[in-house]
Each structure stands twice: as structure tokens, then as C-alpha cells.
């Protein structure tokens, strides 16, 4: 396993170097994959904490178990409407706040 030996790293510069500048096709693909992964991880952890199976969540949201699996594995990102349905089905709420500049 390679580490950075606790050196301070400019991650924006590293992302630019590895995936291109923001707005390039490669960077857009990386960003989309990262969002998919993070969304899937959030939903997976929320589902497990709620002690709900993928099949139960699929039934509650009128989708399929395979759809839930693909979302949780970061292969797809649910639409905003479906995300709200998933959150609601897990007994959670989403709070959106305005960032202070």
C-alpha cells in the first residue's frame, strides 16, 4: 500500500493531473463516478442501519432488488425523485441548507 507519508497534498492539483481539469470529459466521468459511489454508500449504510433488506427497500419504492443493488454499488445514480423515495422509505429526511459564503 502506498502512502503519502503524511505529506500535505493539493488534491485539486492531483485530480487535475490524473483526470484532467474540471469540465473535461475525463474529469466529468470521474466526478460522476465519485457521486455515484458516495450516493450508493450513503444509501447502503442507511439501509443497513434501518435493518431493511434490498428486497424490502425495492418493494417500498416500487423498484427491483437489482436496481437497489446497482445504486448501492455506485453503478448508477438515482434520479432526484427516486432518491427522495429511497430516503423516505428508510424513514429518513433530507435537509437542504444554504451555505454561507
Protein backbone atom coordinates (compact mmCIF):
# COMPACT_ATOMS: atom_id res chain seq x y z
CA UNK A 1 0.00 0.00 0.00
CA UNK A 2 1.38 3.36 -0.99
CA UNK A 3 1.04 6.28 1.41
CA UNK A 4 1.98 9.92 1.18
CA UNK A 5 3.98 9.77 4.45
CA UNK A 6 1.64 12.33 5.96
CA UNK A 7 2.71 14.99 3.47
CA UNK A 8 0.26 17.76 2.71
CA UNK A 9 -1.12 17.20 -0.77
CA UNK A 10 -3.03 19.56 -3.04
CA UNK A 11 -5.79 17.13 -4.01
CA UNK A 12 -7.27 19.51 -6.57
CA UNK A 13 -3.94 19.59 -8.40
CA UNK A 14 -3.66 15.81 -8.13
CA UNK A 15 -7.17 15.35 -9.58
CA UNK A 16 -6.31 17.79 -12.38
CA UNK A 17 -3.15 15.82 -13.14
CA UNK A 18 -4.83 12.41 -13.05
CA UNK A 19 -8.28 13.15 -14.52
CA UNK A 20 -7.90 16.49 -16.27
CA UNK A 21 -9.21 19.94 -15.45
CA UNK A 22 -12.83 20.43 -14.37
CA UNK A 23 -15.11 20.41 -17.41
CA UNK A 24 -13.06 17.93 -19.42
CA UNK A 25 -14.75 14.64 -20.37
CA UNK A 26 -12.35 12.59 -18.22
CA UNK A 27 -12.89 14.79 -15.16
CA UNK A 28 -16.66 14.81 -15.68
CA UNK A 29 -16.61 11.00 -15.79
CA UNK A 30 -14.53 10.85 -12.61
CA UNK A 31 -16.87 13.28 -10.83
CA UNK A 32 -19.95 11.31 -11.92
CA UNK A 33 -18.41 8.02 -10.75
CA UNK A 34 -17.47 9.62 -7.42
CA UNK A 35 -21.02 10.94 -6.90
CA UNK A 36 -22.47 7.53 -7.76
CA UNK A 37 -20.13 5.81 -5.30
CA UNK A 38 -20.86 8.27 -2.49
CA UNK A 39 -24.64 8.17 -3.04
CA UNK A 40 -24.56 4.37 -3.06
CA UNK A 41 -22.52 4.25 0.12
CA UNK A 42 -24.89 6.65 1.90
CA UNK A 43 -27.93 4.59 0.93
CA UNK A 44 -26.27 1.27 1.77
CA UNK A 45 -25.33 2.47 5.26
CA UNK A 46 -28.79 3.98 5.82
CA UNK A 47 -30.50 0.76 4.68
CA UNK A 48 -28.36 -1.41 6.94
CA UNK A 49 -28.89 0.92 9.89
CA UNK A 50 -32.65 0.72 9.29
CA UNK A 51 -32.34 -3.10 9.15
CA UNK A 52 -34.07 -3.23 5.78
CA UNK A 53 -33.15 -5.72 3.06
CA UNK A 54 -32.63 -4.70 -0.54
CA UNK A 55 -35.78 -6.62 -1.44
CA UNK A 56 -37.81 -4.77 1.22
CA UNK A 57 -36.50 -1.40 0.05
CA UNK A 58 -37.29 -2.30 -3.55
CA UNK A 59 -40.86 -3.20 -2.59
CA UNK A 60 -41.29 0.04 -0.62
CA UNK A 61 -40.08 2.13 -3.56
CA UNK A 62 -41.70 0.10 -6.36
CA UNK A 63 -38.35 -0.80 -7.93
CA UNK A 64 -36.37 -4.02 -8.18
CA UNK A 65 -33.77 -5.54 -5.88
CA UNK A 66 -31.27 -5.35 -8.74
CA UNK A 67 -31.91 -1.60 -9.07
CA UNK A 68 -31.20 -1.11 -5.34
CA UNK A 69 -28.04 -3.20 -5.69
CA UNK A 70 -26.81 -1.14 -8.66
CA UNK A 71 -27.40 2.10 -6.76
CA UNK A 72 -25.63 0.81 -3.64
CA UNK A 73 -22.68 -0.40 -5.71
CA UNK A 74 -22.29 3.01 -7.35
CA UNK A 75 -23.12 1.71 -10.81
CA UNK A 76 -26.00 4.15 -11.27
CA UNK A 77 -27.20 7.30 -9.57
CA UNK A 78 -30.91 7.54 -8.79
CA UNK A 79 -32.90 10.49 -10.08
CA UNK A 80 -33.71 13.18 -7.54
CA UNK A 81 -37.27 11.86 -7.25
CA UNK A 82 -36.11 8.30 -6.69
CA UNK A 83 -33.53 9.47 -4.14
CA UNK A 84 -36.31 11.13 -2.14
CA UNK A 85 -38.41 7.95 -2.38
CA UNK A 86 -35.49 5.85 -1.11
CA UNK A 87 -34.78 8.24 1.75
CA UNK A 88 -38.46 8.35 2.73
CA UNK A 89 -38.75 4.54 2.56
CA UNK A 90 -35.85 4.29 5.02
CA UNK A 91 -37.58 6.63 7.46
CA UNK A 92 -35.11 9.44 6.87
CA UNK A 93 -35.46 13.02 5.81
CA UNK A 94 -33.23 15.16 3.68
CA UNK A 95 -32.34 18.61 4.86
CA UNK A 96 -31.01 21.16 2.43
CA UNK A 97 -29.30 24.20 3.82
CA UNK A 98 -27.84 27.25 2.17
CA UNK A 99 -24.09 27.55 2.51
CA UNK A 100 -22.84 30.81 3.92
CA UNK A 101 -20.27 32.34 1.61
